[in-house]
Amino acid sequence: MTSPKLQKMTADQLKAMPAAVTIGIATQFWVELISLPPGNNNRLWLFVNNTWTNHPNAAVGLLASVQAAFATGSNLEVEVWYDDAGTIVGLVVRTP
C-alpha cells in the first residue's frame, strides 16, 4: 500500500474553489437514486450542522462507504466539507 499523493491545483481550480467552506460530522444520510427532475442521479444527501448538504452524481464506491459508516455497529463517522450553497466539496469516512 502506498501513501496518498498530494495533487497540486491549478490557478483556475483554486479560483473555482468556494470562498467559505464549513466542516461538520454527518448525522443522517439519504441517496437519491433516480432524481426528479432527471439529471443528477445518485445524489448523496448528508445532514450536517442541522442542514442538508448534497453531492451530485456520487460514485458507487462513495455511496457504499457512507452507507457502511452509518451501518448499525459501525465505529466510523463521515466528516463533510461544504460550501454556502450546501454542496459537498469534500468528505472522509474515518474512525472517530
PDB file of N, CA and C in Angstrom:
ATOM      1  N   MET A   1       0.850  -1.173   0.000  1.00  0.00           N
ATOM      2  CA  MET A   1       0.000   0.000   0.000  1.00  0.00           C
ATOM      3  C   MET A   1       0.895   1.236   0.000  1.00  0.00           C
ATOM      4  N   THR A   2       0.533   2.216  -0.781  1.00  0.00           N
ATOM      5  CA  THR A   2       1.324   3.435  -0.856  1.00  0.00           C
ATOM      6  C   THR A   2       0.583   4.578  -0.173  1.00  0.00           C
ATOM      7  N   SER A   3       1.332   5.589   0.187  1.00  0.00           N
ATOM      8  CA  SER A   3       0.747   6.769   0.810  1.00  0.00           C
ATOM      9  C   SER A   3      -0.002   7.589  -0.233  1.00  0.00           C
ATOM     10  N   PRO A   4      -1.038   8.322   0.202  1.00  0.00           N
ATOM     11  CA  PRO A   4      -1.720   9.196  -0.753  1.00  0.00           C
ATOM     12  C   PRO A   4      -0.774  10.283  -1.246  1.00  0.00           C
ATOM     13  N   LYS A   5      -0.955  10.687  -2.478  1.00  0.00           N
ATOM     14  CA  LYS A   5      -0.119  11.729  -3.055  1.00  0.00           C
ATOM     15  C   LYS A   5      -0.917  13.029  -3.105  1.00  0.00           C
ATOM     16  N   LEU A   6      -0.283  14.106  -2.695  1.00  0.00           N
ATOM     17  CA  LEU A   6      -0.921  15.408  -2.783  1.00  0.00           C
ATOM     18  C   LEU A   6      -0.970  15.839  -4.238  1.00  0.00           C
ATOM     19  N   GLN A   7      -2.089  16.393  -4.640  1.00  0.00           N
ATOM     20  CA  GLN A   7      -2.210  16.869  -6.001  1.00  0.00           C
ATOM     21  C   GLN A   7      -2.209  18.384  -5.985  1.00  0.00           C
ATOM     22  N   LYS A   8      -1.365  18.966  -6.812  1.00  0.00           N
ATOM     23  CA  LYS A   8      -1.311  20.414  -6.911  1.00  0.00           C
ATOM     24  C   LYS A   8      -2.487  20.891  -7.743  1.00  0.00           C
ATOM     25  N   MET A   9      -3.081  21.993  -7.303  1.00  0.00           N
ATOM     26  CA  MET A   9      -4.206  22.565  -8.023  1.00  0.00           C
ATOM     27  C   MET A   9      -3.716  23.684  -8.922  1.00  0.00           C
ATOM     28  N   THR A  10      -4.348  23.802 -10.074  1.00  0.00           N
ATOM     29  CA  THR A  10      -4.018  24.890 -10.985  1.00  0.00           C
ATOM     30  C   THR A  10      -4.635  26.187 -10.468  1.00  0.00           C
ATOM     31  N   ALA A  11      -4.208  27.299 -11.015  1.00  0.00           N
ATOM     32  CA  ALA A  11      -4.768  28.591 -10.626  1.00  0.00           C
ATOM     33  C   ALA A  11      -6.268  28.640 -10.894  1.00  0.00           C
ATOM     34  N   ASP A  12      -6.713  28.054 -12.010  1.00  0.00           N
ATOM     35  CA  ASP A  12      -8.145  28.036 -12.333  1.00  0.00           C
ATOM     36  C   ASP A  12      -8.926  27.201 -11.320  1.00  0.00           C
ATOM     37  N   GLN A  13      -8.354  26.083 -10.886  1.00  0.00           N
ATOM     38  CA  GLN A  13      -9.022  25.259  -9.889  1.00  0.00           C
ATOM     39  C   GLN A  13      -9.131  25.990  -8.548  1.00  0.00           C
ATOM     40  N   LEU A  14      -8.082  26.688  -8.175  1.00  0.00           N
ATOM     41  CA  LEU A  14      -8.113  27.449  -6.923  1.00  0.00           C
ATOM     42  C   LEU A  14      -9.150  28.564  -6.978  1.00  0.00           C
ATOM     43  N   LYS A  15      -9.258  29.230  -8.115  1.00  0.00           N
ATOM     44  CA  LYS A  15     -10.261  30.290  -8.268  1.00  0.00           C
ATOM     45  C   LYS A  15     -11.674  29.732  -8.197  1.00  0.00           C
ATOM     46  N   ALA A  16     -11.859  28.499  -8.650  1.00  0.00           N
ATOM     47  CA  ALA A  16     -13.187  27.887  -8.663  1.00  0.00           C
ATOM     48  C   ALA A  16     -13.609  27.378  -7.286  1.00  0.00           C
ATOM     49  N   MET A  17     -12.667  27.307  -6.347  1.00  0.00           N
ATOM     50  CA  MET A  17     -12.989  26.833  -5.005  1.00  0.00           C
ATOM     51  C   MET A  17     -13.932  27.814  -4.320  1.00  0.00           C
ATOM     52  N   PRO A  18     -14.859  27.316  -3.511  1.00  0.00           N
ATOM     53  CA  PRO A  18     -15.778  28.215  -2.817  1.00  0.00           C
ATOM     54  C   PRO A  18     -15.023  29.085  -1.809  1.00  0.00           C
ATOM     55  N   ALA A  19     -15.536  30.290  -1.600  1.00  0.00           N
ATOM     56  CA  ALA A  19     -14.874  31.220  -0.696  1.00  0.00           C
ATOM     57  C   ALA A  19     -15.012  30.765   0.756  1.00  0.00           C
ATOM     58  N   ALA A  20     -16.164  30.247   1.136  1.00  0.00           N
ATOM     59  CA  ALA A  20     -16.395  29.823   2.511  1.00  0.00           C
ATOM     60  C   ALA A  20     -16.744  28.339   2.534  1.00  0.00           C
ATOM     61  N   VAL A  21     -16.023  27.607   3.355  1.00  0.00           N
ATOM     62  CA  VAL A  21     -16.276  26.180   3.499  1.00  0.00           C
ATOM     63  C   VAL A  21     -16.554  25.889   4.963  1.00  0.00           C
ATOM     64  N   THR A  22     -17.601  25.114   5.219  1.00  0.00           N
ATOM     65  CA  THR A  22     -17.976  24.723   6.573  1.00  0.00           C
ATOM     66  C   THR A  22     -17.684  23.239   6.735  1.00  0.00           C
ATOM     67  N   ILE A  23     -17.266  22.850   7.931  1.00  0.00           N
ATOM     68  CA  ILE A  23     -16.913  21.462   8.220  1.00  0.00           C
ATOM     69  C   ILE A  23     -17.808  20.944   9.331  1.00  0.00           C
ATOM     70  N   GLY A  24     -18.230  19.681   9.222  1.00  0.00           N
ATOM     71  CA  GLY A  24     -19.024  19.071  10.278  1.00  0.00           C
ATOM     72  C   GLY A  24     -19.115  17.563  10.107  1.00  0.00           C
ATOM     73  N   ILE A  25     -19.701  16.917  11.093  1.00  0.00           N
ATOM     74  CA  ILE A  25     -19.905  15.469  11.078  1.00  0.00           C
ATOM     75  C   ILE A  25     -21.349  15.186  10.677  1.00  0.00           C
ATOM     76  N   ALA A  26     -21.531  14.323   9.690  1.00  0.00           N
ATOM     77  CA  ALA A  26     -22.871  13.961   9.221  1.00  0.00           C
ATOM     78  C   ALA A  26     -23.550  13.052  10.250  1.00  0.00           C
ATOM     79  N   THR A  27     -24.829  13.311  10.496  1.00  0.00           N
ATOM     80  CA  THR A  27     -25.593  12.506  11.442  1.00  0.00           C
ATOM     81  C   THR A  27     -26.683  11.680  10.766  1.00  0.00           C
ATOM     82  N   GLN A  28     -27.014  11.998   9.516  1.00  0.00           N
ATOM     83  CA  GLN A  28     -28.007  11.261   8.745  1.00  0.00           C
ATOM     84  C   GLN A  28     -27.603  11.304   7.273  1.00  0.00           C
ATOM     85  N   PHE A  29     -28.156  10.360   6.497  1.00  0.00           N
ATOM     86  CA  PHE A  29     -27.903  10.386   5.054  1.00  0.00           C
ATOM     87  C   PHE A  29     -29.096   9.818   4.308  1.00  0.00           C
ATOM     88  N   TRP A  30     -29.188  10.157   3.042  1.00  0.00           N
ATOM     89  CA  TRP A  30     -30.086   9.502   2.109  1.00  0.00           C
ATOM     90  C   TRP A  30     -29.529   9.661   0.707  1.00  0.00           C
ATOM     91  N   VAL A  31     -29.901   8.734  -0.150  1.00  0.00           N
ATOM     92  CA  VAL A  31     -29.387   8.712  -1.513  1.00  0.00           C
ATOM     93  C   VAL A  31     -30.556   8.827  -2.476  1.00  0.00           C
ATOM     94  N   GLU A  32     -30.453   9.757  -3.383  1.00  0.00           N
ATOM     95  CA  GLU A  32     -31.466   9.981  -4.412  1.00  0.00           C
ATOM     96  C   GLU A  32     -31.048   9.158  -5.630  1.00  0.00           C
ATOM     97  N   LEU A  33     -31.606   7.972  -5.780  1.00  0.00           N
ATOM     98  CA  LEU A  33     -31.179   7.065  -6.845  1.00  0.00           C
ATOM     99  C   LEU A  33     -31.694   7.465  -8.221  1.00  0.00           C
ATOM    100  N   ILE A  34     -32.904   7.959  -8.271  1.00  0.00           N
ATOM    101  CA  ILE A  34     -33.465   8.479  -9.523  1.00  0.00           C
ATOM    102  C   ILE A  34     -34.021   9.858  -9.194  1.00  0.00           C
ATOM    103  N   SER A  35     -33.401  10.869  -9.749  1.00  0.00           N
ATOM    104  CA  SER A  35     -33.784  12.228  -9.383  1.00  0.00           C
ATOM    105  C   SER A  35     -34.929  12.753 -10.235  1.00  0.00           C
ATOM    106  N   LEU A  36     -35.677  13.647  -9.637  1.00  0.00           N
ATOM    107  CA  LEU A  36     -36.732  14.374 -10.339  1.00  0.00           C
ATOM    108  C   LEU A  36     -36.491  15.849 -10.089  1.00  0.00           C
ATOM    109  N   PRO A  37     -36.255  16.670 -11.057  1.00  0.00           N
ATOM    110  CA  PRO A  37     -36.172  16.319 -12.471  1.00  0.00           C
ATOM    111  C   PRO A  37     -34.914  15.505 -12.758  1.00  0.00           C
ATOM    112  N   PRO A  38     -34.912  14.781 -13.869  1.00  0.00           N
ATOM    113  CA  PRO A  38     -33.771  13.939 -14.227  1.00  0.00           C
ATOM    114  C   PRO A  38     -32.482  14.738 -14.389  1.00  0.00           C
ATOM    115  N   GLY A  39     -31.371  14.057 -14.172  1.00  0.00           N
ATOM    116  CA  GLY A  39     -30.096  14.697 -14.450  1.00  0.00           C
ATOM    117  C   GLY A  39     -29.052  14.574 -13.363  1.00  0.00           C
ATOM    118  N   ASN A  40     -29.446  14.357 -12.133  1.00  0.00           N
ATOM    119  CA  ASN A  40     -28.468  14.250 -11.052  1.00  0.00           C
ATOM    120  C   ASN A  40     -28.675  12.951 -10.288  1.00  0.00           C
ATOM    121  N   ASN A  41     -28.622  11.831 -10.986  1.00  0.00           N
ATOM    122  CA  ASN A  41     -28.803  10.544 -10.324  1.00  0.00           C
ATOM    123  C   ASN A  41     -27.690  10.295  -9.326  1.00  0.00           C
ATOM    124  N   ASN A  42     -27.991   9.481  -8.323  1.00  0.00           N
ATOM    125  CA  ASN A  42     -27.051   9.142  -7.260  1.00  0.00           C
ATOM    126  C   ASN A  42     -26.612  10.362  -6.456  1.00  0.00           C
ATOM    127  N   ARG A  43     -27.520  11.296  -6.252  1.00  0.00           N
ATOM    128  CA  ARG A  43     -27.206  12.452  -5.410  1.00  0.00           C
ATOM    129  C   ARG A  43     -27.205  11.973  -3.960  1.00  0.00           C
ATOM    130  N   LEU A  44     -26.093  12.234  -3.267  1.00  0.00           N
ATOM    131  CA  LEU A  44     -25.930  11.873  -1.864  1.00  0.00           C
ATOM    132  C   LEU A  44     -26.268  13.084  -1.011  1.00  0.00           C
ATOM    133  N   TRP A  45     -27.146  12.895  -0.036  1.00  0.00           N
ATOM    134  CA  TRP A  45     -27.516  13.954   0.897  1.00  0.00           C
ATOM    135  C   TRP A  45     -27.007  13.578   2.283  1.00  0.00           C
ATOM    136  N   LEU A  46     -26.347  14.518   2.951  1.00  0.00           N
ATOM    137  CA  LEU A  46     -25.857  14.305   4.311  1.00  0.00           C
ATOM    138  C   LEU A  46     -26.342  15.452   5.192  1.00  0.00           C
ATOM    139  N   PHE A  47     -26.839  15.101   6.378  1.00  0.00           N
ATOM    140  CA  PHE A  47     -27.322  16.089   7.337  1.00  0.00           C
ATOM    141  C   PHE A  47     -26.153  16.478   8.234  1.00  0.00           C
ATOM    142  N   VAL A  48     -25.700  17.717   8.093  1.00  0.00           N
ATOM    143  CA  VAL A  48     -24.508  18.206   8.796  1.00  0.00           C
ATOM    144  C   VAL A  48     -24.830  19.574   9.402  1.00  0.00           C
ATOM    145  N   ASN A  49     -24.512  19.737  10.679  1.00  0.00           N
ATOM    146  CA  ASN A  49     -24.732  21.029  11.344  1.00  0.00           C
ATOM    147  C   ASN A  49     -26.168  21.530  11.170  1.00  0.00           C
ATOM    148  N   ASN A  50     -27.130  20.621  11.302  1.00  0.00           N
ATOM    149  CA  ASN A  50     -28.561  20.944  11.210  1.00  0.00           C
ATOM    150  C   ASN A  50     -28.994  21.462   9.844  1.00  0.00           C
ATOM    151  N   THR A  51     -28.301  21.047   8.790  1.00  0.00           N
ATOM    152  CA  THR A  51     -28.702  21.406   7.429  1.00  0.00           C
ATOM    153  C   THR A  51     -28.389  20.245   6.483  1.00  0.00           C
ATOM    154  N   TRP A  52     -29.184  20.102   5.425  1.00  0.00           N
ATOM    155  CA  TRP A  52     -28.932  19.061   4.431  1.00  0.00           C
ATOM    156  C   TRP A  52     -27.945  19.584   3.398  1.00  0.00           C
ATOM    157  N   THR A  53     -26.895  18.815   3.157  1.00  0.00           N
ATOM    158  CA  THR A  53     -25.904  19.124   2.130  1.00  0.00           C
ATOM    159  C   THR A  53     -25.974  18.028   1.072  1.00  0.00           C
ATOM    160  N   ASN A  54     -25.432  18.278  -0.124  1.00  0.00           N
ATOM    161  CA  ASN A  54     -25.549  17.250  -1.158  1.00  0.00           C
ATOM    162  C   ASN A  54     -24.309  17.155  -2.019  1.00  0.00           C
ATOM    163  N   HIS A  55     -24.136  15.967  -2.582  1.00  0.00           N
ATOM    164  CA  HIS A  55     -23.053  15.690  -3.537  1.00  0.00           C
ATOM    165  C   HIS A  55     -23.721  15.095  -4.774  1.00  0.00           C
ATOM    166  N   PRO A  56     -23.782  15.842  -5.880  1.00  0.00           N
ATOM    167  CA  PRO A  56     -24.450  15.324  -7.085  1.00  0.00           C
ATOM    168  C   PRO A  56     -23.623  14.235  -7.761  1.00  0.00           C
ATOM    169  N   ASN A  57     -24.309  13.252  -8.301  1.00  0.00           N
ATOM    170  CA  ASN A  57     -23.673  12.172  -9.069  1.00  0.00           C
ATOM    171  C   ASN A  57     -22.539  11.476  -8.305  1.00  0.00           C
ATOM    172  N   ALA A  58     -22.811  11.086  -7.072  1.00  0.00           N
ATOM    173  CA  ALA A  58     -21.803  10.415  -6.246  1.00  0.00           C
ATOM    174  C   ALA A  58     -21.479   9.038  -6.823  1.00  0.00           C
ATOM    175  N   ALA A  59     -20.212   8.687  -6.804  1.00  0.00           N
ATOM    176  CA  ALA A  59     -19.763   7.387  -7.305  1.00  0.00           C
ATOM    177  C   ALA A  59     -20.278   6.265  -6.404  1.00  0.00           C
ATOM    178  N   VAL A  60     -20.428   5.091  -6.980  1.00  0.00           N
ATOM    179  CA  VAL A  60     -20.953   3.935  -6.253  1.00  0.00           C
ATOM    180  C   VAL A  60     -20.086   3.614  -5.037  1.00  0.00           C
ATOM    181  N   GLY A  61     -18.768   3.694  -5.179  1.00  0.00           N
ATOM    182  CA  GLY A  61     -17.869   3.418  -4.059  1.00  0.00           C
ATOM    183  C   GLY A  61     -18.049   4.405  -2.917  1.00  0.00           C
ATOM    184  N   LEU A  62     -18.280   5.673  -3.259  1.00  0.00           N
ATOM    185  CA  LEU A  62     -18.519   6.693  -2.248  1.00  0.00           C
ATOM    186  C   LEU A  62     -19.816   6.405  -1.499  1.00  0.00           C
ATOM    187  N   LEU A  63     -20.860   6.065  -2.244  1.00  0.00           N
ATOM    188  CA  LEU A  63     -22.137   5.736  -1.611  1.00  0.00           C
ATOM    189  C   LEU A  63     -22.000   4.543  -0.671  1.00  0.00           C
ATOM    190  N   ALA A  64     -21.264   3.516  -1.097  1.00  0.00           N
ATOM    191  CA  ALA A  64     -21.066   2.326  -0.270  1.00  0.00           C
ATOM    192  C   ALA A  64     -20.298   2.658   1.002  1.00  0.00           C
ATOM    193  N   SER A  65     -19.288   3.500   0.906  1.00  0.00           N
ATOM    194  CA  SER A  65     -18.502   3.882   2.078  1.00  0.00           C
ATOM    195  C   SER A  65     -19.337   4.657   3.092  1.00  0.00           C
ATOM    196  N   VAL A  66     -20.153   5.581   2.607  1.00  0.00           N
ATOM    197  CA  VAL A  66     -21.006   6.357   3.505  1.00  0.00           C
ATOM    198  C   VAL A  66     -22.046   5.446   4.151  1.00  0.00           C
ATOM    199  N   GLN A  67     -22.657   4.569   3.369  1.00  0.00           N
ATOM    200  CA  GLN A  67     -23.653   3.651   3.916  1.00  0.00           C
ATOM    201  C   GLN A  67     -23.022   2.758   4.985  1.00  0.00           C
ATOM    202  N   ALA A  68     -21.809   2.284   4.771  1.00  0.00           N
ATOM    203  CA  ALA A  68     -21.116   1.451   5.759  1.00  0.00           C
ATOM    204  C   ALA A  68     -20.856   2.233   7.045  1.00  0.00           C
ATOM    205  N   ALA A  69     -20.568   3.514   6.930  1.00  0.00           N
ATOM    206  CA  ALA A  69     -20.314   4.337   8.114  1.00  0.00           C
ATOM    207  C   ALA A  69     -21.563   4.473   8.978  1.00  0.00           C
ATOM    208  N   PHE A  70     -22.740   4.452   8.357  1.00  0.00           N
ATOM    209  CA  PHE A  70     -23.987   4.600   9.092  1.00  0.00           C
ATOM    210  C   PHE A  70     -24.603   3.255   9.500  1.00  0.00           C
ATOM    211  N   ALA A  71     -23.967   2.159   9.141  1.00  0.00           N
ATOM    212  CA  ALA A  71     -24.487   0.829   9.473  1.00  0.00           C
ATOM    213  C   ALA A  71     -24.465   0.618  10.985  1.00  0.00           C
ATOM    214  N   THR A  72     -25.434  -0.124  11.472  1.00  0.00           N
ATOM    215  CA  THR A  72     -25.510  -0.435  12.894  1.00  0.00           C
ATOM    216  C   THR A  72     -24.222  -1.106  13.362  1.00  0.00           C
ATOM    217  N   GLY A  73     -23.668  -0.603  14.450  1.00  0.00           N
ATOM    218  CA  GLY A  73     -22.447  -1.172  14.991  1.00  0.00           C
ATOM    219  C   GLY A  73     -21.170  -0.619  14.387  1.00  0.00           C
ATOM    220  N   SER A  74     -21.279   0.257  13.409  1.00  0.00           N
ATOM    221  CA  SER A  74     -20.089   0.828  12.780  1.00  0.00           C
ATOM    222  C   SER A  74     -19.422   1.804  13.739  1.00  0.00           C
ATOM    223  N   ASN A  75     -18.105   1.825  13.723  1.00  0.00           N
ATOM    224  CA  ASN A  75     -17.374   2.804  14.525  1.00  0.00           C
ATOM    225  C   ASN A  75     -16.792   3.903  13.631  1.00  0.00           C
ATOM    226  N   LEU A  76     -17.404   4.126  12.476  1.00  0.00           N
ATOM    227  CA  LEU A  76     -16.938   5.127  11.525  1.00  0.00           C
ATOM    228  C   LEU A  76     -17.808   6.373  11.580  1.00  0.00           C
ATOM    229  N   GLU A  77     -17.247   7.495  11.152  1.00  0.00           N
ATOM    230  CA  GLU A  77     -18.018   8.724  11.025  1.00  0.00           C
ATOM    231  C   GLU A  77     -17.698   9.370   9.679  1.00  0.00           C
ATOM    232  N   VAL A  78     -18.590  10.232   9.245  1.00  0.00           N
ATOM    233  CA  VAL A  78     -18.427  10.919   7.964  1.00  0.00           C
ATOM    234  C   VAL A  78     -18.231  12.403   8.245  1.00  0.00           C
ATOM    235  N   GLU A  79     -17.030  12.903   7.943  1.00  0.00           N
ATOM    236  CA  GLU A  79     -16.748  14.324   8.093  1.00  0.00           C
ATOM    237  C   GLU A  79     -16.916  14.978   6.728  1.00  0.00           C
ATOM    238  N   VAL A  80     -17.590  16.116   6.713  1.00  0.00           N
ATOM    239  CA  VAL A  80     -18.006  16.738   5.461  1.00  0.00           C
ATOM    240  C   VAL A  80     -17.542  18.189   5.398  1.00  0.00           C
ATOM    241  N   TRP A  81     -17.085  18.610   4.212  1.00  0.00           N
ATOM    242  CA  TRP A  81     -16.783  20.000   3.904  1.00  0.00           C
ATOM    243  C   TRP A  81     -17.815  20.431   2.865  1.00  0.00           C
ATOM    244  N   TYR A  82     -18.489  21.544   3.111  1.00  0.00           N
ATOM    245  CA  TYR A  82     -19.496  22.010   2.144  1.00  0.00           C
ATOM    246  C   TYR A  82     -19.468  23.529   2.045  1.00  0.00           C
ATOM    247  N   ASP A  83     -19.934  24.008   0.881  1.00  0.00           N
ATOM    248  CA  ASP A  83     -19.915  25.446   0.627  1.00  0.00           C
ATOM    249  C   ASP A  83     -21.223  26.098   1.056  1.00  0.00           C
ATOM    250  N   ASP A  84     -21.321  27.412   0.819  1.00  0.00           N
ATOM    251  CA  ASP A  84     -22.505  28.169   1.232  1.00  0.00           C
ATOM    252  C   ASP A  84     -23.783  27.713   0.548  1.00  0.00           C
ATOM    253  N   ALA A  85     -23.659  27.077  -0.617  1.00  0.00           N
ATOM    254  CA  ALA A  85     -24.828  26.580  -1.347  1.00  0.00           C
ATOM    255  C   ALA A  85     -25.262  25.200  -0.852  1.00  0.00           C
ATOM    256  N   GLY A  86     -24.526  24.612   0.105  1.00  0.00           N
ATOM    257  CA  GLY A  86     -24.858  23.287   0.609  1.00  0.00           C
ATOM    258  C   GLY A  86     -24.324  22.160  -0.244  1.00  0.00           C
ATOM    259  N   THR A  87     -23.393  22.471  -1.138  1.00  0.00           N
ATOM    260  CA  THR A  87     -22.799  21.451  -1.987  1.00  0.00           C
ATOM    261  C   THR A  87     -21.542  20.905  -1.315  1.00  0.00           C
ATOM    262  N   ILE A  88     -21.449  19.593  -1.231  1.00  0.00           N
ATOM    263  CA  ILE A  88     -20.303  18.952  -0.606  1.00  0.00           C
ATOM    264  C   ILE A  88     -19.087  19.123  -1.505  1.00  0.00           C
ATOM    265  N   VAL A  89     -18.011  19.647  -0.933  1.00  0.00           N
ATOM    266  CA  VAL A  89     -16.768  19.834  -1.680  1.00  0.00           C
ATOM    267  C   VAL A  89     -15.695  18.854  -1.231  1.00  0.00           C
ATOM    268  N   GLY A  90     -15.965  18.097  -0.180  1.00  0.00           N
ATOM    269  CA  GLY A  90     -15.031  17.082   0.293  1.00  0.00           C
ATOM    270  C   GLY A  90     -15.646  16.295   1.429  1.00  0.00           C
ATOM    271  N   LEU A  91     -15.242  15.039   1.567  1.00  0.00           N
ATOM    272  CA  LEU A  91     -15.685  14.255   2.710  1.00  0.00           C
ATOM    273  C   LEU A  91     -14.728  13.102   2.933  1.00  0.00           C
ATOM    274  N   VAL A  92     -14.685  12.642   4.169  1.00  0.00           N
ATOM    275  CA  VAL A  92     -13.899  11.474   4.536  1.00  0.00           C
ATOM    276  C   VAL A  92     -14.750  10.583   5.429  1.00  0.00           C
ATOM    277  N   VAL A  93     -14.543   9.278   5.288  1.00  0.00           N
ATOM    278  CA  VAL A  93     -15.120   8.306   6.202  1.00  0.00           C
ATOM    279  C   VAL A  93     -13.958   7.804   7.035  1.00  0.00           C
ATOM    280  N   ARG A  94     -14.074   7.936   8.349  1.00  0.00           N
ATOM    281  CA  ARG A  94     -12.941   7.628   9.217  1.00  0.00           C
ATOM    282  C   ARG A  94     -13.405   7.135  10.584  1.00  0.00           C
ATOM    283  N   THR A  95     -12.460   6.621  11.354  1.00  0.00           N
ATOM    284  CA  THR A  95     -12.741   6.297  12.740  1.00  0.00           C
ATOM    285  C   THR A  95     -12.652   7.584  13.546  1.00  0.00           C
ATOM    286  N   PRO A  96     -13.532   7.744  14.516  1.00  0.00           N
ATOM    287  CA  PRO A  96     -13.521   8.995  15.317  1.00  0.00           C
ATOM    288  C   PRO A  96     -12.284   9.101  16.197  1.00  0.00           C
TER     289      PRO A  96
END
